[in-house]
Amino acid sequence: VARFEAPKRWQDVLDMVQYVNDHPDICKTLVLDTADWAEKMA
């Protein structure tokens, strides 16, 4: 699959989502894997 480089901190996750917002042609489905690990970063 296509994936971003593994985020190391919370801001990385937010920046990746924003990147997809700014470049909507990059994919048709954005997958956050997983919510519980993202919450831990927050």
Full PDB file with SEQRES, HELIX, SHEET, SSBOND, CRYST1, ORIGX, SCALE, CONECT and MASTER records, all heavy atoms in Angstrom:
SEQRES   1 A   42  VAL ALA ARG PHE GLU ALA PRO LYS ARG TRP GLN ASP VAL          
SEQRES   2 A   42  LEU ASP MET VAL GLN TYR VAL ASN ASP HIS PRO ASP ILE          
SEQRES   3 A   42  CYS LYS THR LEU VAL LEU ASP THR ALA ASP TRP ALA GLU          
SEQRES   4 A   42  LYS MET ALA                                                  
HELIX    1 AA1 TRP A   10  ASP A   22  1                                  13    
HELIX    2 AA2 PRO A   24  ILE A   26  5                                   3    
HELIX    3 AA3 ALA A   35  MET A   41  1                                   7    
CRYST1    1.000    1.000    1.000  90.00  90.00  90.00 P 1           1          
ORIGX1      1.000000  0.000000  0.000000        0.00000                         
ORIGX2      0.000000  1.000000  0.000000        0.00000                         
ORIGX3      0.000000  0.000000  1.000000        0.00000                         
SCALE1      1.000000  0.000000  0.000000        0.00000                         
SCALE2      0.000000  1.000000  0.000000        0.00000                         
SCALE3      0.000000  0.000000  1.000000        0.00000                         
ATOM      1  N   VAL A   1       0.843  -1.199   0.000  1.00  0.00           N  
ATOM      2  CA  VAL A   1       0.000   0.000   0.000  1.00  0.00           C  
ATOM      3  C   VAL A   1       0.879   1.250   0.000  1.00  0.00           C  
ATOM      4  O   VAL A   1       2.082   1.188   0.292  1.00  0.00           O  
ATOM      5  CB  VAL A   1      -0.933   0.043   1.236  1.00  0.00           C  
ATOM      6  CG1 VAL A   1      -1.919  -1.115   1.215  1.00  0.00           C  
ATOM      7  CG2 VAL A   1      -0.116   0.034   2.533  1.00  0.00           C  
ATOM      8  N   ALA A   2       0.255   2.374  -0.306  1.00  0.00           N  
ATOM      9  CA  ALA A   2       0.938   3.674  -0.195  1.00  0.00           C  
ATOM     10  C   ALA A   2       0.777   4.171   1.235  1.00  0.00           C  
ATOM     11  O   ALA A   2      -0.288   4.042   1.837  1.00  0.00           O  
ATOM     12  CB  ALA A   2       0.334   4.668  -1.177  1.00  0.00           C  
ATOM     13  N   ARG A   3       1.856   4.742   1.757  1.00  0.00           N  
ATOM     14  CA  ARG A   3       1.826   5.226   3.139  1.00  0.00           C  
ATOM     15  C   ARG A   3       2.766   6.410   3.295  1.00  0.00           C  
ATOM     16  O   ARG A   3       3.771   6.534   2.580  1.00  0.00           O  
ATOM     17  CB  ARG A   3       2.239   4.113   4.115  1.00  0.00           C  
ATOM     18  CG  ARG A   3       3.646   3.629   3.904  1.00  0.00           C  
ATOM     19  CD  ARG A   3       4.011   2.495   4.856  1.00  0.00           C  
ATOM     20  NE  ARG A   3       3.332   1.251   4.557  1.00  0.00           N  
ATOM     21  CZ  ARG A   3       3.708   0.407   3.581  1.00  0.00           C  
ATOM     22  NH1 ARG A   3       4.725   0.711   2.800  1.00  0.00           N  
ATOM     23  NH2 ARG A   3       3.058  -0.710   3.378  1.00  0.00           N  
ATOM     24  N   PHE A   4       2.403   7.290   4.227  1.00  0.00           N  
ATOM     25  CA  PHE A   4       3.331   8.344   4.626  1.00  0.00           C  
ATOM     26  C   PHE A   4       4.464   7.716   5.446  1.00  0.00           C  
ATOM     27  O   PHE A   4       4.312   6.623   6.016  1.00  0.00           O  
ATOM     28  CB  PHE A   4       2.627   9.393   5.490  1.00  0.00           C  
ATOM     29  CG  PHE A   4       1.729  10.332   4.731  1.00  0.00           C  
ATOM     30  CD1 PHE A   4       0.348  10.207   4.816  1.00  0.00           C  
ATOM     31  CD2 PHE A   4       2.265  11.353   3.962  1.00  0.00           C  
ATOM     32  CE1 PHE A   4      -0.489  11.081   4.134  1.00  0.00           C  
ATOM     33  CE2 PHE A   4       1.442  12.239   3.286  1.00  0.00           C  
ATOM     34  CZ  PHE A   4       0.065  12.100   3.363  1.00  0.00           C  
ATOM     35  N   GLU A   5       5.583   8.415   5.525  1.00  0.00           N  
ATOM     36  CA  GLU A   5       6.608   8.001   6.470  1.00  0.00           C  
ATOM     37  C   GLU A   5       6.013   8.031   7.871  1.00  0.00           C  
ATOM     38  O   GLU A   5       5.231   8.918   8.208  1.00  0.00           O  
ATOM     39  CB  GLU A   5       7.801   8.960   6.381  1.00  0.00           C  
ATOM     40  CG  GLU A   5       8.970   8.571   7.253  1.00  0.00           C  
ATOM     41  CD  GLU A   5      10.138   9.519   7.103  1.00  0.00           C  
ATOM     42  OE1 GLU A   5      10.067  10.426   6.244  1.00  0.00           O  
ATOM     43  OE2 GLU A   5      11.119   9.361   7.849  1.00  0.00           O  
ATOM     44  N   ALA A   6       6.355   7.042   8.665  1.00  0.00           N  
ATOM     45  CA  ALA A   6       5.728   6.889   9.982  1.00  0.00           C  
ATOM     46  C   ALA A   6       5.807   8.174  10.796  1.00  0.00           C  
ATOM     47  O   ALA A   6       6.898   8.729  10.987  1.00  0.00           O  
ATOM     48  CB  ALA A   6       6.391   5.757  10.754  1.00  0.00           C  
ATOM     49  N   PRO A   7       4.666   8.684  11.290  1.00  0.00           N  
ATOM     50  CA  PRO A   7       4.685   9.896  12.112  1.00  0.00           C  
ATOM     51  C   PRO A   7       5.349   9.626  13.452  1.00  0.00           C  
ATOM     52  O   PRO A   7       5.157   8.568  14.051  1.00  0.00           O  
ATOM     53  CB  PRO A   7       3.198  10.222  12.281  1.00  0.00           C  
ATOM     54  CG  PRO A   7       2.496   8.909  12.128  1.00  0.00           C  
ATOM     55  CD  PRO A   7       3.304   8.141  11.121  1.00  0.00           C  
ATOM     56  N   LYS A   8       6.125  10.594  13.910  1.00  0.00           N  
ATOM     57  CA  LYS A   8       6.820  10.431  15.188  1.00  0.00           C  
ATOM     58  C   LYS A   8       6.160  11.222  16.313  1.00  0.00           C  
ATOM     59  O   LYS A   8       6.402  10.952  17.482  1.00  0.00           O  
ATOM     60  CB  LYS A   8       8.280  10.860  15.039  1.00  0.00           C  
ATOM     61  CG  LYS A   8       9.090   9.976  14.090  1.00  0.00           C  
ATOM     62  CD  LYS A   8      10.524  10.451  13.996  1.00  0.00           C  
ATOM     63  CE  LYS A   8      11.375   9.492  13.160  1.00  0.00           C  
ATOM     64  NZ  LYS A   8      10.863   9.348  11.783  1.00  0.00           N  
ATOM     65  N   ARG A   9       5.347  12.200  15.967  1.00  0.00           N  
ATOM     66  CA  ARG A   9       4.680  13.009  16.981  1.00  0.00           C  
ATOM     67  C   ARG A   9       3.318  13.459  16.452  1.00  0.00           C  
ATOM     68  O   ARG A   9       2.995  13.300  15.277  1.00  0.00           O  
ATOM     69  CB  ARG A   9       5.543  14.206  17.368  1.00  0.00           C  
ATOM     70  CG  ARG A   9       5.992  15.062  16.199  1.00  0.00           C  
ATOM     71  CD  ARG A   9       6.975  16.146  16.644  1.00  0.00           C  
ATOM     72  NE  ARG A   9       7.347  16.999  15.521  1.00  0.00           N  
ATOM     73  CZ  ARG A   9       8.314  16.730  14.663  1.00  0.00           C  
ATOM     74  NH1 ARG A   9       9.015  15.612  14.800  1.00  0.00           N  
ATOM     75  NH2 ARG A   9       8.596  17.553  13.668  1.00  0.00           N  
ATOM     76  N   TRP A  10       2.534  14.028  17.334  1.00  0.00           N  
ATOM     77  CA  TRP A  10       1.154  14.422  17.033  1.00  0.00           C  
ATOM     78  C   TRP A  10       1.073  15.398  15.864  1.00  0.00           C  
ATOM     79  O   TRP A  10       0.226  15.255  14.983  1.00  0.00           O  
ATOM     80  CB  TRP A  10       0.518  15.017  18.280  1.00  0.00           C  
ATOM     81  CG  TRP A  10      -0.865  15.560  18.099  1.00  0.00           C  
ATOM     82  CD1 TRP A  10      -1.273  16.840  18.296  1.00  0.00           C  
ATOM     83  CD2 TRP A  10      -2.029  14.820  17.724  1.00  0.00           C  
ATOM     84  NE1 TRP A  10      -2.612  16.961  18.062  1.00  0.00           N  
ATOM     85  CE2 TRP A  10      -3.114  15.726  17.710  1.00  0.00           C  
ATOM     86  CE3 TRP A  10      -2.271  13.491  17.393  1.00  0.00           C  
ATOM     87  CZ2 TRP A  10      -4.409  15.359  17.372  1.00  0.00           C  
ATOM     88  CZ3 TRP A  10      -3.567  13.107  17.053  1.00  0.00           C  
ATOM     89  CH2 TRP A  10      -4.610  14.031  17.042  1.00  0.00           C  
ATOM     90  N   GLN A  11       1.958  16.365  15.834  1.00  0.00           N  
ATOM     91  CA  GLN A  11       1.913  17.356  14.769  1.00  0.00           C  
ATOM     92  C   GLN A  11       2.141  16.710  13.406  1.00  0.00           C  
ATOM     93  O   GLN A  11       1.589  17.171  12.397  1.00  0.00           O  
ATOM     94  CB  GLN A  11       2.947  18.457  15.007  1.00  0.00           C  
ATOM     95  CG  GLN A  11       2.820  19.648  14.057  1.00  0.00           C  
ATOM     96  CD  GLN A  11       1.448  20.321  14.135  1.00  0.00           C  
ATOM     97  OE1 GLN A  11       0.946  20.595  15.225  1.00  0.00           O  
ATOM     98  NE2 GLN A  11       0.831  20.569  12.979  1.00  0.00           N  
ATOM     99  N   ASP A  12       2.911  15.627  13.360  1.00  0.00           N  
ATOM    100  CA  ASP A  12       3.124  14.913  12.100  1.00  0.00           C  
ATOM    101  C   ASP A  12       1.803  14.389  11.544  1.00  0.00           C  
ATOM    102  O   ASP A  12       1.544  14.463  10.343  1.00  0.00           O  
ATOM    103  CB  ASP A  12       4.091  13.740  12.304  1.00  0.00           C  
ATOM    104  CG  ASP A  12       5.503  14.197  12.608  1.00  0.00           C  
ATOM    105  OD1 ASP A  12       5.819  15.370  12.327  1.00  0.00           O  
ATOM    106  OD2 ASP A  12       6.281  13.381  13.131  1.00  0.00           O  
ATOM    107  N   VAL A  13       0.971  13.844  12.441  1.00  0.00           N  
ATOM    108  CA  VAL A  13      -0.327  13.309  12.016  1.00  0.00           C  
ATOM    109  C   VAL A  13      -1.190  14.425  11.430  1.00  0.00           C  
ATOM    110  O   VAL A  13      -1.788  14.278  10.351  1.00  0.00           O  
ATOM    111  CB  VAL A  13      -1.053  12.638  13.201  1.00  0.00           C  
ATOM    112  CG1 VAL A  13      -2.451  12.174  12.788  1.00  0.00           C  
ATOM    113  CG2 VAL A  13      -0.243  11.457  13.725  1.00  0.00           C  
ATOM    114  N   LEU A  14      -1.255  15.551  12.133  1.00  0.00           N  
ATOM    115  CA  LEU A  14      -2.048  16.677  11.649  1.00  0.00           C  
ATOM    116  C   LEU A  14      -1.520  17.194  10.312  1.00  0.00           C  
ATOM    117  O   LEU A  14      -2.297  17.511   9.399  1.00  0.00           O  
ATOM    118  CB  LEU A  14      -2.050  17.804  12.682  1.00  0.00           C  
ATOM    119  CG  LEU A  14      -2.635  17.468  14.060  1.00  0.00           C  
ATOM    120  CD1 LEU A  14      -2.498  18.670  14.990  1.00  0.00           C  
ATOM    121  CD2 LEU A  14      -4.084  17.044  13.956  1.00  0.00           C  
ATOM    122  N   ASP A  15      -0.195  17.242  10.186  1.00  0.00           N  
ATOM    123  CA  ASP A  15       0.402  17.738   8.946  1.00  0.00           C  
ATOM    124  C   ASP A  15       0.098  16.809   7.772  1.00  0.00           C  
ATOM    125  O   ASP A  15      -0.123  17.270   6.640  1.00  0.00           O  
ATOM    126  CB  ASP A  15       1.917  17.869   9.109  1.00  0.00           C  
ATOM    127  CG  ASP A  15       2.314  19.016  10.029  1.00  0.00           C  
ATOM    128  OD1 ASP A  15       1.449  19.878  10.299  1.00  0.00           O  
ATOM    129  OD2 ASP A  15       3.471  19.041  10.482  1.00  0.00           O  
ATOM    130  N   MET A  16       0.060  15.512   8.017  1.00  0.00           N  
ATOM    131  CA  MET A  16      -0.237  14.556   6.947  1.00  0.00           C  
ATOM    132  C   MET A  16      -1.672  14.701   6.451  1.00  0.00           C  
ATOM    133  O   MET A  16      -1.944  14.654   5.252  1.00  0.00           O  
ATOM    134  CB  MET A  16       0.015  13.126   7.448  1.00  0.00           C  
ATOM    135  CG  MET A  16       1.480  12.816   7.663  1.00  0.00           C  
ATOM    136  SD  MET A  16       1.733  11.233   8.487  1.00  0.00           S  
ATOM    137  CE  MET A  16       3.521  11.243   8.695  1.00  0.00           C  
ATOM    138  N   VAL A  17      -2.598  14.881   7.387  1.00  0.00           N  
ATOM    139  CA  VAL A  17      -3.996  15.086   6.995  1.00  0.00           C  
ATOM    140  C   VAL A  17      -4.127  16.395   6.218  1.00  0.00           C  
ATOM    141  O   VAL A  17      -4.827  16.462   5.197  1.00  0.00           O  
ATOM    142  CB  VAL A  17      -4.921  15.097   8.232  1.00  0.00           C  
ATOM    143  CG1 VAL A  17      -6.362  15.373   7.811  1.00  0.00           C  
ATOM    144  CG2 VAL A  17      -4.836  13.765   8.970  1.00  0.00           C  
ATOM    145  N   GLN A  18      -3.442  17.431   6.678  1.00  0.00           N  
ATOM    146  CA  GLN A  18      -3.492  18.711   5.980  1.00  0.00           C  
ATOM    147  C   GLN A  18      -2.898  18.594   4.582  1.00  0.00           C  
ATOM    148  O   GLN A  18      -3.384  19.218   3.635  1.00  0.00           O  
ATOM    149  CB  GLN A  18      -2.742  19.770   6.781  1.00  0.00           C  
ATOM    150  CG  GLN A  18      -2.859  21.177   6.207  1.00  0.00           C  
ATOM    151  CD  GLN A  18      -4.304  21.645   6.117  1.00  0.00           C  
ATOM    152  OE1 GLN A  18      -5.033  21.605   7.116  1.00  0.00           O  
ATOM    153  NE2 GLN A  18      -4.729  22.067   4.932  1.00  0.00           N  
ATOM    154  N   TYR A  19      -1.864  17.784   4.428  1.00  0.00           N  
ATOM    155  CA  TYR A  19      -1.247  17.590   3.121  1.00  0.00           C  
ATOM    156  C   TYR A  19      -2.259  16.987   2.139  1.00  0.00           C  
ATOM    157  O   TYR A  19      -2.319  17.390   0.967  1.00  0.00           O  
ATOM    158  CB  TYR A  19      -0.030  16.678   3.245  1.00  0.00           C  
ATOM    159  CG  TYR A  19       0.727  16.515   1.944  1.00  0.00           C  
ATOM    160  CD1 TYR A  19       1.711  17.432   1.575  1.00  0.00           C  
ATOM    161  CD2 TYR A  19       0.473  15.445   1.086  1.00  0.00           C  
ATOM    162  CE1 TYR A  19       2.410  17.293   0.375  1.00  0.00           C  
ATOM    163  CE2 TYR A  19       1.154  15.300  -0.108  1.00  0.00           C  
ATOM    164  CZ  TYR A  19       2.118  16.233  -0.459  1.00  0.00           C  
ATOM    165  OH  TYR A  19       2.793  16.091  -1.660  1.00  0.00           O  
ATOM    166  N   VAL A  20      -3.049  16.028   2.620  1.00  0.00           N  
ATOM    167  CA  VAL A  20      -4.077  15.432   1.755  1.00  0.00           C  
ATOM    168  C   VAL A  20      -5.134  16.477   1.408  1.00  0.00           C  
ATOM    169  O   VAL A  20      -5.632  16.519   0.277  1.00  0.00           O  
ATOM    170  CB  VAL A  20      -4.711  14.203   2.438  1.00  0.00           C  
ATOM    171  CG1 VAL A  20      -5.867  13.650   1.598  1.00  0.00           C  
ATOM    172  CG2 VAL A  20      -3.667  13.122   2.671  1.00  0.00           C  
ATOM    173  N   ASN A  21      -5.463  17.332   2.370  1.00  0.00           N  
ATOM    174  CA  ASN A  21      -6.398  18.427   2.086  1.00  0.00           C  
ATOM    175  C   ASN A  21      -5.867  19.336   0.983  1.00  0.00           C  
ATOM    176  O   ASN A  21      -6.611  19.795   0.112  1.00  0.00           O  
ATOM    177  CB  ASN A  21      -6.645  19.256   3.354  1.00  0.00           C  
ATOM    178  CG  ASN A  21      -7.824  18.765   4.159  1.00  0.00           C  
ATOM    179  OD1 ASN A  21      -8.884  18.492   3.613  1.00  0.00           O  
ATOM    180  ND2 ASN A  21      -7.648  18.633   5.456  1.00  0.00           N  
ATOM    181  N   ASP A  22      -4.572  19.597   1.030  1.00  0.00           N  
ATOM    182  CA  ASP A  22      -3.964  20.500   0.055  1.00  0.00           C  
ATOM    183  C   ASP A  22      -3.693  19.824  -1.290  1.00  0.00           C  
ATOM    184  O   ASP A  22      -3.532  20.509  -2.308  1.00  0.00           O  
ATOM    185  CB  ASP A  22      -2.640  21.048   0.615  1.00  0.00           C  
ATOM    186  CG  ASP A  22      -2.839  21.911   1.846  1.00  0.00           C  
ATOM    187  OD1 ASP A  22      -3.961  22.433   2.026  1.00  0.00           O  
ATOM    188  OD2 ASP A  22      -1.877  22.044   2.641  1.00  0.00           O  
ATOM    189  N   HIS A  23      -3.630  18.471  -1.274  1.00  0.00           N  
ATOM    190  CA  HIS A  23      -3.356  17.716  -2.504  1.00  0.00           C  
ATOM    191  C   HIS A  23      -4.392  16.590  -2.635  1.00  0.00           C  
ATOM    192  O   HIS A  23      -4.066  15.406  -2.495  1.00  0.00           O  
ATOM    193  CB  HIS A  23      -1.942  17.130  -2.469  1.00  0.00           C  
ATOM    194  CG  HIS A  23      -0.871  18.153  -2.274  1.00  0.00           C  
ATOM    195  ND1 HIS A  23      -0.528  18.649  -1.025  1.00  0.00           N  
ATOM    196  CD2 HIS A  23      -0.069  18.793  -3.171  1.00  0.00           C  
ATOM    197  CE1 HIS A  23       0.448  19.534  -1.174  1.00  0.00           C  
ATOM    198  NE2 HIS A  23       0.738  19.650  -2.449  1.00  0.00           N  
ATOM    199  N   PRO A  24      -5.648  16.929  -2.902  1.00  0.00           N  
ATOM    200  CA  PRO A  24      -6.725  15.934  -2.902  1.00  0.00           C  
ATOM    201  C   PRO A  24      -6.621  14.868  -3.989  1.00  0.00           C  
ATOM    202  O   PRO A  24      -7.323  13.856  -3.921  1.00  0.00           O  
ATOM    203  CB  PRO A  24      -7.990  16.790  -3.094  1.00  0.00           C  
ATOM    204  CG  PRO A  24      -7.513  18.037  -3.733  1.00  0.00           C  
ATOM    205  CD  PRO A  24      -6.148  18.289  -3.179  1.00  0.00           C  
ATOM    206  N   ASP A  25      -5.752  15.072  -4.980  1.00  0.00           N  
ATOM    207  CA  ASP A  25      -5.602  14.071  -6.031  1.00  0.00           C  
ATOM    208  C   ASP A  25      -4.642  12.956  -5.641  1.00  0.00           C  
ATOM    209  O   ASP A  25      -4.441  12.003  -6.414  1.00  0.00           O  
ATOM    210  CB  ASP A  25      -5.088  14.736  -7.321  1.00  0.00           C  
ATOM    211  CG  ASP A  25      -6.100  15.709  -7.912  1.00  0.00           C  
ATOM    212  OD1 ASP A  25      -7.308  15.506  -7.675  1.00  0.00           O  
ATOM    213  OD2 ASP A  25      -5.684  16.657  -8.598  1.00  0.00           O  
ATOM    214  N   ILE A  26      -4.066  13.024  -4.446  1.00  0.00           N  
ATOM    215  CA  ILE A  26      -3.053  12.058  -4.040  1.00  0.00           C  
ATOM    216  C   ILE A  26      -3.641  10.684  -3.715  1.00  0.00           C  
ATOM    217  O   ILE A  26      -2.949   9.658  -3.782  1.00  0.00           O  
ATOM    218  CB  ILE A  26      -2.256  12.603  -2.831  1.00  0.00           C  
ATOM    219  CG1 ILE A  26      -0.954  11.845  -2.667  1.00  0.00           C  
ATOM    220  CG2 ILE A  26      -3.079  12.544  -1.547  1.00  0.00           C  
ATOM    221  CD1 ILE A  26      -0.034  12.429  -1.616  1.00  0.00           C  
ATOM    222  N   CYS A  27      -4.924  10.628  -3.358  1.00  0.00           N  
ATOM    223  CA  CYS A  27      -5.555   9.354  -3.005  1.00  0.00           C  
ATOM    224  C   CYS A  27      -7.071   9.490  -3.099  1.00  0.00           C  
ATOM    225  O   CYS A  27      -7.600  10.588  -3.261  1.00  0.00           O  
ATOM    226  CB  CYS A  27      -5.164   8.909  -1.596  1.00  0.00           C  
ATOM    227  SG  CYS A  27      -5.751  10.029  -0.285  1.00  0.00           S  
ATOM    228  N   LYS A  28      -7.755   8.350  -2.981  1.00  0.00           N  
ATOM    229  CA  LYS A  28      -9.216   8.355  -2.911  1.00  0.00           C  
ATOM    230  C   LYS A  28      -9.719   7.915  -1.546  1.00  0.00           C  
ATOM    231  O   LYS A  28     -10.902   8.066  -1.235  1.00  0.00           O  
ATOM    232  CB  LYS A  28      -9.804   7.450  -4.002  1.00  0.00           C  
ATOM    233  CG  LYS A  28      -9.619   7.984  -5.409  1.00  0.00           C  
ATOM    234  CD  LYS A  28     -10.383   7.158  -6.433  1.00  0.00           C  
ATOM    235  CE  LYS A  28     -10.256   7.771  -7.824  1.00  0.00           C  
ATOM    236  NZ  LYS A  28     -10.982   6.978  -8.851  1.00  0.00           N  
ATOM    237  N   THR A  29      -8.813   7.346  -0.747  1.00  0.00           N  
ATOM    238  CA  THR A  29      -9.147   6.945   0.626  1.00  0.00           C  
ATOM    239  C   THR A  29      -7.954   7.264   1.519  1.00  0.00           C  
ATOM    240  O   THR A  29      -6.820   6.872   1.205  1.00  0.00           O  
ATOM    241  CB  THR A  29      -9.454   5.437   0.723  1.00  0.00           C  
ATOM    242  OG1 THR A  29     -10.515   5.093  -0.171  1.00  0.00           O  
ATOM    243  CG2 THR A  29      -9.868   5.065   2.149  1.00  0.00           C  
ATOM    244  N   LEU A  30      -8.206   7.963   2.616  1.00  0.00           N  
ATOM    245  CA  LEU A  30      -7.175   8.228   3.617  1.00  0.00           C  
ATOM    246  C   LEU A  30      -7.447   7.329   4.818  1.00  0.00           C  
ATOM    247  O   LEU A  30      -8.564   7.318   5.348  1.00  0.00           O  
ATOM    248  CB  LEU A  30      -7.176   9.694   4.038  1.00  0.00           C  
ATOM    249  CG  LEU A  30      -6.156  10.079   5.115  1.00  0.00           C  
ATOM    250  CD1 LEU A  30      -4.734   9.843   4.626  1.00  0.00           C  
ATOM    251  CD2 LEU A  30      -6.355  11.534   5.543  1.00  0.00           C  
ATOM    252  N   VAL A  31      -6.440   6.578   5.246  1.00  0.00           N  
ATOM    253  CA  VAL A  31      -6.609   5.621   6.342  1.00  0.00           C  
ATOM    254  C   VAL A  31      -5.738   6.038   7.519  1.00  0.00           C  
ATOM    255  O   VAL A  31      -4.512   6.171   7.374  1.00  0.00           O  
ATOM    256  CB  VAL A  31      -6.228   4.188   5.905  1.00  0.00           C  
ATOM    257  CG1 VAL A  31      -6.490   3.203   7.055  1.00  0.00           C  
ATOM    258  CG2 VAL A  31      -6.993   3.781   4.657  1.00  0.00           C  
ATOM    259  N   LEU A  32      -6.355   6.241   8.670  1.00  0.00           N  
ATOM    260  CA  LEU A  32      -5.626   6.496   9.912  1.00  0.00           C  
ATOM    261  C   LEU A  32      -5.527   5.179  10.671  1.00  0.00           C  
ATOM    262  O   LEU A  32      -6.524   4.620  11.110  1.00  0.00           O  
ATOM    263  CB  LEU A  32      -6.346   7.528  10.781  1.00  0.00           C  
ATOM    264  CG  LEU A  32      -5.743   7.783  12.166  1.00  0.00           C  
ATOM    265  CD1 LEU A  32      -4.320   8.326  12.051  1.00  0.00           C  
ATOM    266  CD2 LEU A  32      -6.621   8.731  12.980  1.00  0.00           C  
ATOM    267  N   ASP A  33      -4.317   4.687  10.839  1.00  0.00           N  
ATOM    268  CA  ASP A  33      -4.093   3.364  11.428  1.00  0.00           C  
ATOM    269  C   ASP A  33      -3.033   3.508  12.535  1.00  0.00           C  
ATOM    270  O   ASP A  33      -1.841   3.490  12.256  1.00  0.00           O  
ATOM    271  CB  ASP A  33      -3.614   2.421  10.323  1.00  0.00           C  
ATOM    272  CG  ASP A  33      -3.571   0.961  10.727  1.00  0.00           C  
ATOM    273  OD1 ASP A  33      -3.840   0.668  11.903  1.00  0.00           O  
ATOM    274  OD2 ASP A  33      -3.257   0.114   9.867  1.00  0.00           O  
ATOM    275  N   THR A  34      -3.431   3.680  13.807  1.00  0.00           N  
ATOM    276  CA  THR A  34      -4.756   3.528  14.397  1.00  0.00           C  
ATOM    277  C   THR A  34      -5.124   4.761  15.220  1.00  0.00           C  
ATOM    278  O   THR A  34      -4.249   5.550  15.579  1.00  0.00           O  
ATOM    279  CB  THR A  34      -4.791   2.320  15.356  1.00  0.00           C  
ATOM    280  OG1 THR A  34      -3.830   2.556  16.392  1.00  0.00           O  
ATOM    281  CG2 THR A  34      -4.479   1.019  14.657  1.00  0.00           C  
ATOM    282  N   ALA A  35      -6.422   4.847  15.580  1.00  0.00           N  
ATOM    283  CA  ALA A  35      -6.900   5.980  16.369  1.00  0.00           C  
ATOM    284  C   ALA A  35      -6.311   5.981  17.769  1.00  0.00           C  
ATOM    285  O   ALA A  35      -5.974   7.036  18.319  1.00  0.00           O  
ATOM    286  CB  ALA A  35      -8.425   5.947  16.450  1.00  0.00           C  
ATOM    287  N   ASP A  36      -6.174   4.786  18.384  1.00  0.00           N  
ATOM    288  CA  ASP A  36      -5.689   4.749  19.763  1.00  0.00           C  
ATOM    289  C   ASP A  36      -4.219   5.159  19.861  1.00  0.00           C  
ATOM    290  O   ASP A  36      -3.809   5.808  20.822  1.00  0.00           O  
ATOM    291  CB  ASP A  36      -5.918   3.369  20.401  1.00  0.00           C  
ATOM    292  CG  ASP A  36      -5.855   2.219  19.431  1.00  0.00           C  
ATOM    293  OD1 ASP A  36      -6.585   2.239  18.439  1.00  0.00           O  
ATOM    294  OD2 ASP A  36      -5.062   1.294  19.660  1.00  0.00           O  
ATOM    295  N   TRP A  37      -3.417   4.830  18.851  1.00  0.00           N  
ATOM    296  CA  TRP A  37      -2.031   5.275  18.867  1.00  0.00           C  
ATOM    297  C   TRP A  37      -1.939   6.767  18.572  1.00  0.00           C  
ATOM    298  O   TRP A  37      -1.072   7.456  19.114  1.00  0.00           O  
ATOM    299  CB  TRP A  37      -1.206   4.461  17.863  1.00  0.00           C  
ATOM    300  CG  TRP A  37      -0.765   3.143  18.406  1.00  0.00           C  
ATOM    301  CD1 TRP A  37      -1.568   2.156  18.904  1.00  0.00           C  
ATOM    302  CD2 TRP A  37       0.575   2.666  18.530  1.00  0.00           C  
ATOM    303  NE1 TRP A  37      -0.817   1.084  19.315  1.00  0.00           N  
ATOM    304  CE2 TRP A  37       0.509   1.367  19.097  1.00  0.00           C  
ATOM    305  CE3 TRP A  37       1.820   3.193  18.199  1.00  0.00           C  
ATOM    306  CZ2 TRP A  37       1.643   0.606  19.356  1.00  0.00           C  
ATOM    307  CZ3 TRP A  37       2.955   2.433  18.447  1.00  0.00           C  
ATOM    308  CH2 TRP A  37       2.868   1.151  19.016  1.00  0.00           C  
ATOM    309  N   ALA A  38      -2.824   7.257  17.711  1.00  0.00           N  
ATOM    310  CA  ALA A  38      -2.839   8.694  17.440  1.00  0.00           C  
ATOM    311  C   ALA A  38      -3.231   9.467  18.695  1.00  0.00           C  
ATOM    312  O   ALA A  38      -2.641  10.516  19.006  1.00  0.00           O  
ATOM    313  CB  ALA A  38      -3.818   9.002  16.305  1.00  0.00           C  
ATOM    314  N   GLU A  39      -4.196   8.960  19.441  1.00  0.00           N  
ATOM    315  CA  GLU A  39      -4.588   9.622  20.682  1.00  0.00           C  
ATOM    316  C   GLU A  39      -3.429   9.639  21.678  1.00  0.00           C  
ATOM    317  O   GLU A  39      -3.223  10.624  22.395  1.00  0.00           O  
ATOM    318  CB  GLU A  39      -5.794   8.921  21.306  1.00  0.00           C  
ATOM    319  CG  GLU A  39      -6.286   9.612  22.573  1.00  0.00           C  
ATOM    320  CD  GLU A  39      -7.343   8.837  23.327  1.00  0.00           C  
ATOM    321  OE1 GLU A  39      -7.607   7.676  22.957  1.00  0.00           O  
ATOM    322  OE2 GLU A  39      -7.897   9.393  24.287  1.00  0.00           O  
ATOM    323  N   LYS A  40      -2.665   8.556  21.698  1.00  0.00           N  
ATOM    324  CA  LYS A  40      -1.499   8.503  22.584  1.00  0.00           C  
ATOM    325  C   LYS A  40      -0.504   9.604  22.211  1.00  0.00           C  
ATOM    326  O   LYS A  40       0.084  10.248  23.087  1.00  0.00           O  
ATOM    327  CB  LYS A  40      -0.847   7.128  22.470  1.00  0.00           C  
ATOM    328  CG  LYS A  40       0.377   6.945  23.340  1.00  0.00           C  
ATOM    329  CD  LYS A  40       0.990   5.560  23.137  1.00  0.00           C  
ATOM    330  CE  LYS A  40       2.259   5.394  23.957  1.00  0.00           C  
ATOM    331  NZ  LYS A  40       2.901   4.069  23.720  1.00  0.00           N  
ATOM    332  N   MET A  41      -0.313   9.838  20.918  1.00  0.00           N  
ATOM    333  CA  MET A  41       0.577  10.907  20.469  1.00  0.00           C  
ATOM    334  C   MET A  41       0.058  12.276  20.909  1.00  0.00           C  
ATOM    335  O   MET A  41       0.837  13.147  21.313  1.00  0.00           O  
ATOM    336  CB  MET A  41       0.708  10.871  18.942  1.00  0.00           C  
ATOM    337  CG  MET A  41       1.506   9.710  18.408  1.00  0.00           C  
ATOM    338  SD  MET A  41       1.630   9.769  16.602  1.00  0.00           S  
ATOM    339  CE  MET A  41       2.762   8.401  16.318  1.00  0.00           C  
ATOM    340  N   ALA A  42      -1.269  12.456  20.840  1.00  0.00           N  
ATOM    341  CA  ALA A  42      -1.860  13.729  21.276  1.00  0.00           C  
ATOM    342  C   ALA A  42      -1.619  13.949  22.759  1.00  0.00           C  
ATOM    343  O   ALA A  42      -1.294  15.063  23.199  1.00  0.00           O  
ATOM    344  CB  ALA A  42      -3.354  13.735  20.963  1.00  0.00           C  
TER     345      ALA A  42                                                      
MASTER        0    0    0    3    0    0    0    6  344    1    0    4          
END                                                                             
